[in-house]
Amino acid sequence: MEETATYLIRPNHKHKFKPAIVKSCIREIVRERLSGMRYDPEGVTELTGSLAECIKDRVKGLGFDRYKLVVQVVIGEQRGQGVKMSLRCLWDADTDNYAEEVFINDSLFCAVTVFGSYYY
């Protein structure tokens, strides 16, 4: 049995990472899981992990073939303080992209970033 090579240099438009669709997906999951929730320092580690896994699984289901996904979730206690976050990546501007969403309620804040990096 002979394998056929699947060397794709660029994704077609249908399979390209679409930040607006991913952002909508993130927003839906975060609102569903965190609305009305209080900050709990004991449970935040498990919560960030389960949120990241849920978001990754949902984004994988969107059909962005050959994309490697990185999901970052940061949750902190909301006390009116400011938070600055920055990220740096080296990537192909034609194929790679990211989506981000921030959720805030009276008790906590949650910042989610999903990176999609095309796998050549």
PDB file of N, CA and C in Angstrom:
ATOM      1  N   MET A   1       0.845  -1.177   0.000  1.00  0.00           N
ATOM      2  CA  MET A   1       0.000   0.000   0.000  1.00  0.00           C
ATOM      3  C   MET A   1       0.889   1.240   0.000  1.00  0.00           C
ATOM      4  N   GLU A   2       0.633   2.128  -0.903  1.00  0.00           N
ATOM      5  CA  GLU A   2       1.448   3.323  -1.049  1.00  0.00           C
ATOM      6  C   GLU A   2       0.701   4.527  -0.484  1.00  0.00           C
ATOM      7  N   GLU A   3       1.403   5.316   0.319  1.00  0.00           N
ATOM      8  CA  GLU A   3       0.789   6.517   0.885  1.00  0.00           C
ATOM      9  C   GLU A   3       0.967   7.682  -0.073  1.00  0.00           C
ATOM     10  N   THR A   4      -0.039   8.518  -0.148  1.00  0.00           N
ATOM     11  CA  THR A   4       0.093   9.719  -0.960  1.00  0.00           C
ATOM     12  C   THR A   4       0.477  10.877  -0.061  1.00  0.00           C
ATOM     13  N   ALA A   5       1.364  11.705  -0.549  1.00  0.00           N
ATOM     14  CA  ALA A   5       1.828  12.858   0.222  1.00  0.00           C
ATOM     15  C   ALA A   5       0.748  13.928   0.244  1.00  0.00           C
ATOM     16  N   THR A   6       0.654  14.598   1.360  1.00  0.00           N
ATOM     17  CA  THR A   6      -0.330  15.680   1.497  1.00  0.00           C
ATOM     18  C   THR A   6       0.387  16.976   1.839  1.00  0.00           C
ATOM     19  N   TYR A   7       1.343  17.337   1.026  1.00  0.00           N
ATOM     20  CA  TYR A   7       2.099  18.562   1.263  1.00  0.00           C
ATOM     21  C   TYR A   7       1.278  19.754   0.782  1.00  0.00           C
ATOM     22  N   LEU A   8       0.769  20.493   1.712  1.00  0.00           N
ATOM     23  CA  LEU A   8       0.009  21.694   1.378  1.00  0.00           C
ATOM     24  C   LEU A   8       0.814  22.899   1.841  1.00  0.00           C
ATOM     25  N   ILE A   9       1.018  23.822   0.931  1.00  0.00           N
ATOM     26  CA  ILE A   9       1.824  24.988   1.273  1.00  0.00           C
ATOM     27  C   ILE A   9       0.980  26.044   1.979  1.00  0.00           C
ATOM     28  N   ARG A  10      -0.257  26.156   1.607  1.00  0.00           N
ATOM     29  CA  ARG A  10      -1.165  27.133   2.214  1.00  0.00           C
ATOM     30  C   ARG A  10      -2.541  26.494   2.374  1.00  0.00           C
ATOM     31  N   PRO A  11      -3.271  26.895   3.407  1.00  0.00           N
ATOM     32  CA  PRO A  11      -4.642  26.384   3.531  1.00  0.00           C
ATOM     33  C   PRO A  11      -5.551  27.076   2.522  1.00  0.00           C
ATOM     34  N   ASN A  12      -6.576  26.373   2.060  1.00  0.00           N
ATOM     35  CA  ASN A  12      -7.536  27.062   1.206  1.00  0.00           C
ATOM     36  C   ASN A  12      -8.409  27.957   2.092  1.00  0.00           C
ATOM     37  N   HIS A  13      -9.144  28.851   1.481  1.00  0.00           N
ATOM     38  CA  HIS A  13      -9.916  29.841   2.244  1.00  0.00           C
ATOM     39  C   HIS A  13     -10.895  29.186   3.215  1.00  0.00           C
ATOM     40  N   LYS A  14     -11.484  28.089   2.803  1.00  0.00           N
ATOM     41  CA  LYS A  14     -12.475  27.405   3.636  1.00  0.00           C
ATOM     42  C   LYS A  14     -11.870  26.896   4.947  1.00  0.00           C
ATOM     43  N   HIS A  15     -10.610  26.501   4.916  1.00  0.00           N
ATOM     44  CA  HIS A  15      -9.970  25.895   6.082  1.00  0.00           C
ATOM     45  C   HIS A  15      -9.024  26.839   6.817  1.00  0.00           C
ATOM     46  N   LYS A  16      -8.969  28.100   6.409  1.00  0.00           N
ATOM     47  CA  LYS A  16      -8.079  29.059   7.059  1.00  0.00           C
ATOM     48  C   LYS A  16      -8.637  29.455   8.433  1.00  0.00           C
ATOM     49  N   PHE A  17      -7.750  29.652   9.397  1.00  0.00           N
ATOM     50  CA  PHE A  17      -8.136  30.049  10.754  1.00  0.00           C
ATOM     51  C   PHE A  17      -8.870  31.385  10.692  1.00  0.00           C
ATOM     52  N   LYS A  18     -10.087  31.421  11.222  1.00  0.00           N
ATOM     53  CA  LYS A  18     -10.919  32.627  11.153  1.00  0.00           C
ATOM     54  C   LYS A  18     -11.141  33.179  12.560  1.00  0.00           C
ATOM     55  N   PRO A  19     -10.431  34.261  12.913  1.00  0.00           N
ATOM     56  CA  PRO A  19     -10.506  34.806  14.271  1.00  0.00           C
ATOM     57  C   PRO A  19     -11.919  35.178  14.725  1.00  0.00           C
ATOM     58  N   ALA A  20     -12.742  35.716  13.845  1.00  0.00           N
ATOM     59  CA  ALA A  20     -14.093  36.134  14.250  1.00  0.00           C
ATOM     60  C   ALA A  20     -14.934  34.933  14.690  1.00  0.00           C
ATOM     61  N   ILE A  21     -14.815  33.830  13.982  1.00  0.00           N
ATOM     62  CA  ILE A  21     -15.572  32.625  14.337  1.00  0.00           C
ATOM     63  C   ILE A  21     -15.057  32.047  15.649  1.00  0.00           C
ATOM     64  N   VAL A  22     -13.732  32.024  15.810  1.00  0.00           N
ATOM     65  CA  VAL A  22     -13.134  31.494  17.037  1.00  0.00           C
ATOM     66  C   VAL A  22     -13.492  32.378  18.221  1.00  0.00           C
ATOM     67  N   LYS A  23     -13.463  33.698  18.033  1.00  0.00           N
ATOM     68  CA  LYS A  23     -13.816  34.632  19.113  1.00  0.00           C
ATOM     69  C   LYS A  23     -15.252  34.401  19.571  1.00  0.00           C
ATOM     70  N   SER A  24     -16.157  34.204  18.642  1.00  0.00           N
ATOM     71  CA  SER A  24     -17.554  33.933  18.979  1.00  0.00           C
ATOM     72  C   SER A  24     -17.680  32.635  19.780  1.00  0.00           C
ATOM     73  N   CYS A  25     -16.920  31.643  19.395  1.00  0.00           N
ATOM     74  CA  CYS A  25     -16.907  30.355  20.096  1.00  0.00           C
ATOM     75  C   CYS A  25     -16.391  30.527  21.526  1.00  0.00           C
ATOM     76  N   ILE A  26     -15.294  31.264  21.675  1.00  0.00           N
ATOM     77  CA  ILE A  26     -14.728  31.531  23.003  1.00  0.00           C
ATOM     78  C   ILE A  26     -15.754  32.256  23.869  1.00  0.00           C
ATOM     79  N   ARG A  27     -16.360  33.300  23.318  1.00  0.00           N
ATOM     80  CA  ARG A  27     -17.330  34.106  24.062  1.00  0.00           C
ATOM     81  C   ARG A  27     -18.481  33.247  24.573  1.00  0.00           C
ATOM     82  N   GLU A  28     -18.993  32.387  23.715  1.00  0.00           N
ATOM     83  CA  GLU A  28     -20.112  31.520  24.094  1.00  0.00           C
ATOM     84  C   GLU A  28     -19.733  30.594  25.254  1.00  0.00           C
ATOM     85  N   ILE A  29     -18.589  29.960  25.158  1.00  0.00           N
ATOM     86  CA  ILE A  29     -18.155  29.024  26.203  1.00  0.00           C
ATOM     87  C   ILE A  29     -17.886  29.744  27.513  1.00  0.00           C
ATOM     88  N   VAL A  30     -17.172  30.859  27.449  1.00  0.00           N
ATOM     89  CA  VAL A  30     -16.803  31.587  28.669  1.00  0.00           C
ATOM     90  C   VAL A  30     -18.047  32.128  29.370  1.00  0.00           C
ATOM     91  N   ARG A  31     -18.969  32.707  28.628  1.00  0.00           N
ATOM     92  CA  ARG A  31     -20.203  33.218  29.250  1.00  0.00           C
ATOM     93  C   ARG A  31     -21.019  32.093  29.868  1.00  0.00           C
ATOM     94  N   GLU A  32     -21.096  30.984  29.154  1.00  0.00           N
ATOM     95  CA  GLU A  32     -21.856  29.834  29.652  1.00  0.00           C
ATOM     96  C   GLU A  32     -21.257  29.290  30.948  1.00  0.00           C
ATOM     97  N   ARG A  33     -19.944  29.215  31.008  1.00  0.00           N
ATOM     98  CA  ARG A  33     -19.277  28.591  32.159  1.00  0.00           C
ATOM     99  C   ARG A  33     -19.039  29.545  33.326  1.00  0.00           C
ATOM    100  N   LEU A  34     -18.891  30.861  33.055  1.00  0.00           N
ATOM    101  CA  LEU A  34     -18.479  31.779  34.119  1.00  0.00           C
ATOM    102  C   LEU A  34     -19.544  32.768  34.579  1.00  0.00           C
ATOM    103  N   SER A  35     -20.634  32.915  33.854  1.00  0.00           N
ATOM    104  CA  SER A  35     -21.678  33.855  34.283  1.00  0.00           C
ATOM    105  C   SER A  35     -22.191  33.465  35.659  1.00  0.00           C
ATOM    106  N   GLY A  36     -22.193  34.411  36.569  1.00  0.00           N
ATOM    107  CA  GLY A  36     -22.679  34.171  37.919  1.00  0.00           C
ATOM    108  C   GLY A  36     -21.698  33.458  38.829  1.00  0.00           C
ATOM    109  N   MET A  37     -20.542  33.087  38.326  1.00  0.00           N
ATOM    110  CA  MET A  37     -19.557  32.367  39.140  1.00  0.00           C
ATOM    111  C   MET A  37     -18.758  33.344  39.997  1.00  0.00           C
ATOM    112  N   ARG A  38     -18.412  32.904  41.193  1.00  0.00           N
ATOM    113  CA  ARG A  38     -17.579  33.691  42.107  1.00  0.00           C
ATOM    114  C   ARG A  38     -16.141  33.194  42.010  1.00  0.00           C
ATOM    115  N   TYR A  39     -15.190  34.098  42.215  1.00  0.00           N
ATOM    116  CA  TYR A  39     -13.776  33.715  42.196  1.00  0.00           C
ATOM    117  C   TYR A  39     -13.477  32.792  43.371  1.00  0.00           C
ATOM    118  N   ASP A  40     -12.853  31.672  43.093  1.00  0.00           N
ATOM    119  CA  ASP A  40     -12.475  30.695  44.114  1.00  0.00           C
ATOM    120  C   ASP A  40     -11.008  30.327  43.894  1.00  0.00           C
ATOM    121  N   PRO A  41     -10.109  30.834  44.750  1.00  0.00           N
ATOM    122  CA  PRO A  41      -8.683  30.558  44.541  1.00  0.00           C
ATOM    123  C   PRO A  41      -8.339  29.073  44.607  1.00  0.00           C
ATOM    124  N   GLU A  42      -9.141  28.305  45.307  1.00  0.00           N
ATOM    125  CA  GLU A  42      -8.883  26.864  45.416  1.00  0.00           C
ATOM    126  C   GLU A  42      -9.220  26.124  44.117  1.00  0.00           C
ATOM    127  N   GLY A  43     -10.214  26.597  43.401  1.00  0.00           N
ATOM    128  CA  GLY A  43     -10.673  25.875  42.211  1.00  0.00           C
ATOM    129  C   GLY A  43     -10.235  26.470  40.887  1.00  0.00           C
ATOM    130  N   VAL A  44      -9.485  27.574  40.933  1.00  0.00           N
ATOM    131  CA  VAL A  44      -9.162  28.281  39.697  1.00  0.00           C
ATOM    132  C   VAL A  44      -8.209  27.483  38.794  1.00  0.00           C
ATOM    133  N   THR A  45      -7.325  26.700  39.362  1.00  0.00           N
ATOM    134  CA  THR A  45      -6.399  25.911  38.540  1.00  0.00           C
ATOM    135  C   THR A  45      -7.154  24.882  37.707  1.00  0.00           C
ATOM    136  N   GLU A  46      -8.058  24.172  38.340  1.00  0.00           N
ATOM    137  CA  GLU A  46      -8.867  23.189  37.617  1.00  0.00           C
ATOM    138  C   GLU A  46      -9.779  23.872  36.598  1.00  0.00           C
ATOM    139  N   LEU A  47     -10.338  25.019  36.975  1.00  0.00           N
ATOM    140  CA  LEU A  47     -11.240  25.745  36.085  1.00  0.00           C
ATOM    141  C   LEU A  47     -10.523  26.217  34.824  1.00  0.00           C
ATOM    142  N   THR A  48      -9.323  26.786  34.971  1.00  0.00           N
ATOM    143  CA  THR A  48      -8.598  27.251  33.785  1.00  0.00           C
ATOM    144  C   THR A  48      -8.266  26.081  32.859  1.00  0.00           C
ATOM    145  N   GLY A  49      -7.867  24.962  33.437  1.00  0.00           N
ATOM    146  CA  GLY A  49      -7.555  23.785  32.622  1.00  0.00           C
ATOM    147  C   GLY A  49      -8.761  23.245  31.883  1.00  0.00           C
ATOM    148  N   SER A  50      -9.894  23.158  32.567  1.00  0.00           N
ATOM    149  CA  SER A  50     -11.094  22.623  31.919  1.00  0.00           C
ATOM    150  C   SER A  50     -11.635  23.584  30.863  1.00  0.00           C
ATOM    151  N   LEU A  51     -11.536  24.890  31.124  1.00  0.00           N
ATOM    152  CA  LEU A  51     -11.952  25.877  30.119  1.00  0.00           C
ATOM    153  C   LEU A  51     -11.078  25.776  28.873  1.00  0.00           C
ATOM    154  N   ALA A  52      -9.768  25.698  29.069  1.00  0.00           N
ATOM    155  CA  ALA A  52      -8.845  25.598  27.933  1.00  0.00           C
ATOM    156  C   ALA A  52      -9.133  24.346  27.112  1.00  0.00           C
ATOM    157  N   GLU A  53      -9.371  23.241  27.774  1.00  0.00           N
ATOM    158  CA  GLU A  53      -9.654  21.982  27.078  1.00  0.00           C
ATOM    159  C   GLU A  53     -10.970  22.062  26.308  1.00  0.00           C
ATOM    160  N   CYS A  54     -11.993  22.630  26.930  1.00  0.00           N
ATOM    161  CA  CYS A  54     -13.300  22.777  26.284  1.00  0.00           C
ATOM    162  C   CYS A  54     -13.199  23.668  25.041  1.00  0.00           C
ATOM    163  N   ILE A  55     -12.494  24.788  25.170  1.00  0.00           N
ATOM    164  CA  ILE A  55     -12.324  25.716  24.047  1.00  0.00           C
ATOM    165  C   ILE A  55     -11.532  25.045  22.929  1.00  0.00           C
ATOM    166  N   LYS A  56     -10.452  24.356  23.273  1.00  0.00           N
ATOM    167  CA  LYS A  56      -9.633  23.673  22.268  1.00  0.00           C
ATOM    168  C   LYS A  56     -10.465  22.641  21.505  1.00  0.00           C
ATOM    169  N   ASP A  57     -11.252  21.850  22.224  1.00  0.00           N
ATOM    170  CA  ASP A  57     -12.077  20.829  21.573  1.00  0.00           C
ATOM    171  C   ASP A  57     -13.098  21.450  20.631  1.00  0.00           C
ATOM    172  N   ARG A  58     -13.724  22.543  21.067  1.00  0.00           N
ATOM    173  CA  ARG A  58     -14.735  23.202  20.229  1.00  0.00           C
ATOM    174  C   ARG A  58     -14.096  23.811  18.984  1.00  0.00           C
ATOM    175  N   VAL A  59     -12.941  24.459  19.147  1.00  0.00           N
ATOM    176  CA  VAL A  59     -12.268  25.077  17.997  1.00  0.00           C
ATOM    177  C   VAL A  59     -11.774  24.002  17.027  1.00  0.00           C
ATOM    178  N   LYS A  60     -11.295  22.883  17.543  1.00  0.00           N
ATOM    179  CA  LYS A  60     -10.880  21.777  16.667  1.00  0.00           C
ATOM    180  C   LYS A  60     -12.039  21.322  15.792  1.00  0.00           C
ATOM    181  N   GLY A  61     -13.231  21.348  16.334  1.00  0.00           N
ATOM    182  CA  GLY A  61     -14.414  20.928  15.597  1.00  0.00           C
ATOM    183  C   GLY A  61     -14.846  21.889  14.505  1.00  0.00           C
ATOM    184  N   LEU A  62     -14.226  23.057  14.436  1.00  0.00           N
ATOM    185  CA  LEU A  62     -14.590  24.044  13.421  1.00  0.00           C
ATOM    186  C   LEU A  62     -13.966  23.745  12.059  1.00  0.00           C
ATOM    187  N   GLY A  63     -13.061  22.784  11.994  1.00  0.00           N
ATOM    188  CA  GLY A  63     -12.533  22.347  10.700  1.00  0.00           C
ATOM    189  C   GLY A  63     -11.329  23.102  10.185  1.00  0.00           C
ATOM    190  N   PHE A  64     -10.522  23.646  11.056  1.00  0.00           N
ATOM    191  CA  PHE A  64      -9.294  24.314  10.619  1.00  0.00           C
ATOM    192  C   PHE A  64      -8.210  23.246  10.463  1.00  0.00           C
ATOM    193  N   ASP A  65      -8.276  22.528   9.349  1.00  0.00           N
ATOM    194  CA  ASP A  65      -7.364  21.404   9.110  1.00  0.00           C
ATOM    195  C   ASP A  65      -5.915  21.855   9.109  1.00  0.00           C
ATOM    196  N   ARG A  66      -5.063  21.023   9.670  1.00  0.00           N
ATOM    197  CA  ARG A  66      -3.610  21.209   9.713  1.00  0.00           C
ATOM    198  C   ARG A  66      -3.171  22.380  10.587  1.00  0.00           C
ATOM    199  N   TYR A  67      -4.053  22.877  11.441  1.00  0.00           N
ATOM    200  CA  TYR A  67      -3.669  23.945  12.369  1.00  0.00           C
ATOM    201  C   TYR A  67      -3.338  23.355  13.729  1.00  0.00           C
ATOM    202  N   LYS A  68      -2.248  23.810  14.290  1.00  0.00           N
ATOM    203  CA  LYS A  68      -1.905  23.499  15.674  1.00  0.00           C
ATOM    204  C   LYS A  68      -2.507  24.612  16.517  1.00  0.00           C
ATOM    205  N   LEU A  69      -3.172  24.245  17.588  1.00  0.00           N
ATOM    206  CA  LEU A  69      -3.855  25.219  18.436  1.00  0.00           C
ATOM    207  C   LEU A  69      -3.152  25.345  19.775  1.00  0.00           C
ATOM    208  N   VAL A  70      -3.055  26.579  20.242  1.00  0.00           N
ATOM    209  CA  VAL A  70      -2.569  26.868  21.589  1.00  0.00           C
ATOM    210  C   VAL A  70      -3.649  27.702  22.254  1.00  0.00           C
ATOM    211  N   VAL A  71      -4.115  27.258  23.418  1.00  0.00           N
ATOM    212  CA  VAL A  71      -5.161  27.976  24.146  1.00  0.00           C
ATOM    213  C   VAL A  71      -4.588  28.428  25.481  1.00  0.00           C
ATOM    214  N   GLN A  72      -4.664  29.735  25.730  1.00  0.00           N
ATOM    215  CA  GLN A  72      -4.206  30.294  27.002  1.00  0.00           C
ATOM    216  C   GLN A  72      -5.412  30.881  27.729  1.00  0.00           C
ATOM    217  N   VAL A  73      -5.591  30.483  28.986  1.00  0.00           N
ATOM    218  CA  VAL A  73      -6.682  30.998  29.813  1.00  0.00           C
ATOM    219  C   VAL A  73      -6.080  31.568  31.088  1.00  0.00           C
ATOM    220  N   VAL A  74      -6.402  32.823  31.379  1.00  0.00           N
ATOM    221  CA  VAL A  74      -5.955  33.480  32.610  1.00  0.00           C
ATOM    222  C   VAL A  74      -7.198  33.908  33.373  1.00  0.00           C
ATOM    223  N   ILE A  75      -7.302  33.494  34.632  1.00  0.00           N
ATOM    224  CA  ILE A  75      -8.424  33.896  35.488  1.00  0.00           C
ATOM    225  C   ILE A  75      -7.848  34.533  36.739  1.00  0.00           C
ATOM    226  N   GLY A  76      -8.414  35.670  37.118  1.00  0.00           N
ATOM    227  CA  GLY A  76      -7.974  36.353  38.329  1.00  0.00           C
ATOM    228  C   GLY A  76      -9.151  36.949  39.070  1.00  0.00           C
ATOM    229  N   GLU A  77      -8.888  37.354  40.295  1.00  0.00           N
ATOM    230  CA  GLU A  77      -9.936  37.968  41.107  1.00  0.00           C
ATOM    231  C   GLU A  77     -10.145  39.407  40.657  1.00  0.00           C
ATOM    232  N   GLN A  78     -11.410  39.791  40.536  1.00  0.00           N
ATOM    233  CA  GLN A  78     -11.767  41.140  40.090  1.00  0.00           C
ATOM    234  C   GLN A  78     -11.913  42.050  41.301  1.00  0.00           C
ATOM    235  N   ARG A  79     -10.971  42.973  41.445  1.00  0.00           N
ATOM    236  CA  ARG A  79     -11.031  43.949  42.534  1.00  0.00           C
ATOM    237  C   ARG A  79     -10.875  45.368  42.012  1.00  0.00           C
ATOM    238  N   GLY A  80     -11.118  45.553  40.730  1.00  0.00           N
ATOM    239  CA  GLY A  80     -11.005  46.874  40.137  1.00  0.00           C
ATOM    240  C   GLY A  80      -9.590  47.230  39.712  1.00  0.00           C
ATOM    241  N   GLN A  81      -8.670  46.298  39.852  1.00  0.00           N
ATOM    242  CA  GLN A  81      -7.291  46.559  39.476  1.00  0.00           C
ATOM    243  C   GLN A  81      -7.127  46.463  37.960  1.00  0.00           C
ATOM    244  N   GLY A  82      -6.075  47.020  37.468  1.00  0.00           N
ATOM    245  CA  GLY A  82      -5.761  46.895  36.051  1.00  0.00           C
ATOM    246  C   GLY A  82      -4.847  45.700  35.828  1.00  0.00           C
ATOM    247  N   VAL A  83      -4.955  45.116  34.672  1.00  0.00           N
ATOM    248  CA  VAL A  83      -4.089  43.995  34.304  1.00  0.00           C
ATOM    249  C   VAL A  83      -3.596  44.242  32.889  1.00  0.00           C
ATOM    250  N   LYS A  84      -2.316  44.103  32.691  1.00  0.00           N
ATOM    251  CA  LYS A  84      -1.751  44.216  31.346  1.00  0.00           C
ATOM    252  C   LYS A  84      -1.144  42.873  30.986  1.00  0.00           C
ATOM    253  N   MET A  85      -1.453  42.431  29.790  1.00  0.00           N
ATOM    254  CA  MET A  85      -0.923  41.156  29.304  1.00  0.00           C
ATOM    255  C   MET A  85      -0.353  41.393  27.916  1.00  0.00           C
ATOM    256  N   SER A  86       0.739  40.717  27.606  1.00  0.00           N
ATOM    257  CA  SER A  86       1.272  40.793  26.250  1.00  0.00           C
ATOM    258  C   SER A  86       1.797  39.427  25.841  1.00  0.00           C
ATOM    259  N   LEU A  87       1.756  39.176  24.558  1.00  0.00           N
ATOM    260  CA  LEU A  87       2.212  37.910  23.996  1.00  0.00           C
ATOM    261  C   LEU A  87       3.007  38.213  22.737  1.00  0.00           C
ATOM    262  N   ARG A  88       4.000  37.417  22.480  1.00  0.00           N
ATOM    263  CA  ARG A  88       4.797  37.567  21.272  1.00  0.00           C
ATOM    264  C   ARG A  88       4.912  36.208  20.594  1.00  0.00           C
ATOM    265  N   CYS A  89       4.794  36.210  19.290  1.00  0.00           N
ATOM    266  CA  CYS A  89       4.909  34.971  18.527  1.00  0.00           C
ATOM    267  C   CYS A  89       5.667  35.240  17.234  1.00  0.00           C
ATOM    268  N   LEU A  90       6.313  34.221  16.750  1.00  0.00           N
ATOM    269  CA  LEU A  90       6.934  34.261  15.436  1.00  0.00           C
ATOM    270  C   LEU A  90       6.117  33.327  14.559  1.00  0.00           C
ATOM    271  N   TRP A  91       5.516  33.893  13.496  1.00  0.00           N
ATOM    272  CA  TRP A  91       4.650  33.065  12.679  1.00  0.00           C
ATOM    273  C   TRP A  91       4.535  33.591  11.267  1.00  0.00           C
ATOM    274  N   ASP A  92       3.800  32.871  10.461  1.00  0.00           N
ATOM    275  CA  ASP A  92       3.553  33.245   9.075  1.00  0.00           C
ATOM    276  C   ASP A  92       2.283  34.100   9.047  1.00  0.00           C
ATOM    277  N   ALA A  93       2.433  35.355   8.697  1.00  0.00           N
ATOM    278  CA  ALA A  93       1.302  36.288   8.718  1.00  0.00           C
ATOM    279  C   ALA A  93       0.216  35.923   7.701  1.00  0.00           C
ATOM    280  N   ASP A  94       0.547  35.131   6.697  1.00  0.00           N
ATOM    281  CA  ASP A  94      -0.448  34.730   5.698  1.00  0.00           C
ATOM    282  C   ASP A  94      -1.369  33.613   6.186  1.00  0.00           C
ATOM    283  N   THR A  95      -0.875  32.776   7.094  1.00  0.00           N
ATOM    284  CA  THR A  95      -1.664  31.604   7.485  1.00  0.00           C
ATOM    285  C   THR A  95      -2.023  31.565   8.964  1.00  0.00           C
ATOM    286  N   ASP A  96      -1.169  32.095   9.821  1.00  0.00           N
ATOM    287  CA  ASP A  96      -1.368  31.991  11.265  1.00  0.00           C
ATOM    288  C   ASP A  96      -2.146  33.195  11.786  1.00  0.00           C
ATOM    289  N   ASN A  97      -2.874  32.989  12.882  1.00  0.00           N
ATOM    290  CA  ASN A  97      -3.659  34.074  13.450  1.00  0.00           C
ATOM    291  C   ASN A  97      -4.039  33.720  14.878  1.00  0.00           C
ATOM    292  N   TYR A  98      -4.797  34.610  15.510  1.00  0.00           N
ATOM    293  CA  TYR A  98      -5.245  34.365  16.878  1.00  0.00           C
ATOM    294  C   TYR A  98      -6.588  35.038  17.101  1.00  0.00           C
ATOM    295  N   ALA A  99      -7.257  34.615  18.169  1.00  0.00           N
ATOM    296  CA  ALA A  99      -8.508  35.239  18.601  1.00  0.00           C
ATOM    297  C   ALA A  99      -8.431  35.382  20.109  1.00  0.00           C
ATOM    298  N   GLU A 100      -9.012  36.451  20.621  1.00  0.00           N
ATOM    299  CA  GLU A 100      -8.995  36.667  22.064  1.00  0.00           C
ATOM    300  C   GLU A 100     -10.339  37.189  22.533  1.00  0.00           C
ATOM    301  N   GLU A 101     -10.616  36.945  23.802  1.00  0.00           N
ATOM    302  CA  GLU A 101     -11.863  37.396  24.417  1.00  0.00           C
ATOM    303  C   GLU A 101     -11.609  37.616  25.897  1.00  0.00           C
ATOM    304  N   VAL A 102     -12.214  38.660  26.449  1.00  0.00           N
ATOM    305  CA  VAL A 102     -12.096  38.961  27.879  1.00  0.00           C
ATOM    306  C   VAL A 102     -13.497  38.955  28.476  1.00  0.00           C
ATOM    307  N   PHE A 103     -13.635  38.277  29.605  1.00  0.00           N
ATOM    308  CA  PHE A 103     -14.896  38.211  30.340  1.00  0.00           C
ATOM    309  C   PHE A 103     -14.650  38.792  31.727  1.00  0.00           C
ATOM    310  N   ILE A 104     -15.567  39.647  32.184  1.00  0.00           N
ATOM    311  CA  ILE A 104     -15.452  40.239  33.523  1.00  0.00           C
ATOM    312  C   ILE A 104     -16.824  40.212  34.181  1.00  0.00           C
ATOM    313  N   ASN A 105     -16.872  39.750  35.434  1.00  0.00           N
ATOM    314  CA  ASN A 105     -18.072  39.927  36.247  1.00  0.00           C
ATOM    315  C   ASN A 105     -17.653  40.591  37.554  1.00  0.00           C
ATOM    316  N   ASP A 106     -18.523  40.647  38.544  1.00  0.00           N
ATOM    317  CA  ASP A 106     -18.209  41.341  39.797  1.00  0.00           C
ATOM    318  C   ASP A 106     -17.113  40.661  40.606  1.00  0.00           C
ATOM    319  N   SER A 107     -16.853  39.397  40.346  1.00  0.00           N
ATOM    320  CA  SER A 107     -15.931  38.628  41.170  1.00  0.00           C
ATOM    321  C   SER A 107     -14.625  38.235  40.483  1.00  0.00           C
ATOM    322  N   LEU A 108     -14.664  38.066  39.146  1.00  0.00           N
ATOM    323  CA  LEU A 108     -13.471  37.568  38.460  1.00  0.00           C
ATOM    324  C   LEU A 108     -13.340  38.141  37.060  1.00  0.00           C
ATOM    325  N   PHE A 109     -12.130  38.005  36.521  1.00  0.00           N
ATOM    326  CA  PHE A 109     -11.909  38.305  35.110  1.00  0.00           C
ATOM    327  C   PHE A 109     -11.281  37.075  34.464  1.00  0.00           C
ATOM    328  N   CYS A 110     -11.526  36.932  33.184  1.00  0.00           N
ATOM    329  CA  CYS A 110     -10.978  35.803  32.440  1.00  0.00           C
ATOM    330  C   CYS A 110     -10.546  36.306  31.066  1.00  0.00           C
ATOM    331  N   ALA A 111      -9.287  36.089  30.734  1.00  0.00           N
ATOM    332  CA  ALA A 111      -8.755  36.449  29.419  1.00  0.00           C
ATOM    333  C   ALA A 111      -8.362  35.160  28.700  1.00  0.00           C
ATOM    334  N   VAL A 112      -8.902  34.977  27.504  1.00  0.00           N
ATOM    335  CA  VAL A 112      -8.635  33.770  26.719  1.00  0.00           C
ATOM    336  C   VAL A 112      -8.029  34.174  25.383  1.00  0.00           C
ATOM    337  N   THR A 113      -6.964  33.496  25.001  1.00  0.00           N
ATOM    338  CA  THR A 113      -6.351  33.676  23.692  1.00  0.00           C
ATOM    339  C   THR A 113      -6.190  32.306  23.046  1.00  0.00           C
ATOM    340  N   VAL A 114      -6.593  32.215  21.784  1.00  0.00           N
ATOM    341  CA  VAL A 114      -6.411  30.984  21.012  1.00  0.00           C
ATOM    342  C   VAL A 114      -5.547  31.325  19.801  1.00  0.00           C
ATOM    343  N   PHE A 115      -4.431  30.628  19.679  1.00  0.00           N
ATOM    344  CA  PHE A 115      -3.530  30.797  18.547  1.00  0.00           C
ATOM    345  C   PHE A 115      -3.736  29.643  17.583  1.00  0.00           C
ATOM    346  N   GLY A 116      -3.804  29.964  16.296  1.00  0.00           N
ATOM    347  CA  GLY A 116      -3.863  28.942  15.262  1.00  0.00           C
ATOM    348  C   GLY A 116      -2.635  29.065  14.382  1.00  0.00           C
ATOM    349  N   SER A 117      -1.786  28.054  14.410  1.00  0.00           N
ATOM    350  CA  SER A 117      -0.548  28.062  13.630  1.00  0.00           C
ATOM    351  C   SER A 117      -0.606  26.940  12.600  1.00  0.00           C
ATOM    352  N   TYR A 118      -0.510  27.307  11.335  1.00  0.00           N
ATOM    353  CA  TYR A 118      -0.624  26.323  10.256  1.00  0.00           C
ATOM    354  C   TYR A 118       0.581  25.398  10.243  1.00  0.00           C
ATOM    355  N   TYR A 119       0.318  24.106  10.150  1.00  0.00           N
ATOM    356  CA  TYR A 119       1.366  23.093  10.164  1.00  0.00           C
ATOM    357  C   TYR A 119       1.707  22.698   8.730  1.00  0.00           C
ATOM    358  N   TYR A 120       2.909  23.037   8.305  1.00  0.00           N
ATOM    359  CA  TYR A 120       3.342  22.745   6.929  1.00  0.00           C
ATOM    360  C   TYR A 120       3.786  21.317   6.803  1.00  0.00           C
TER     361      TYR A 120
END
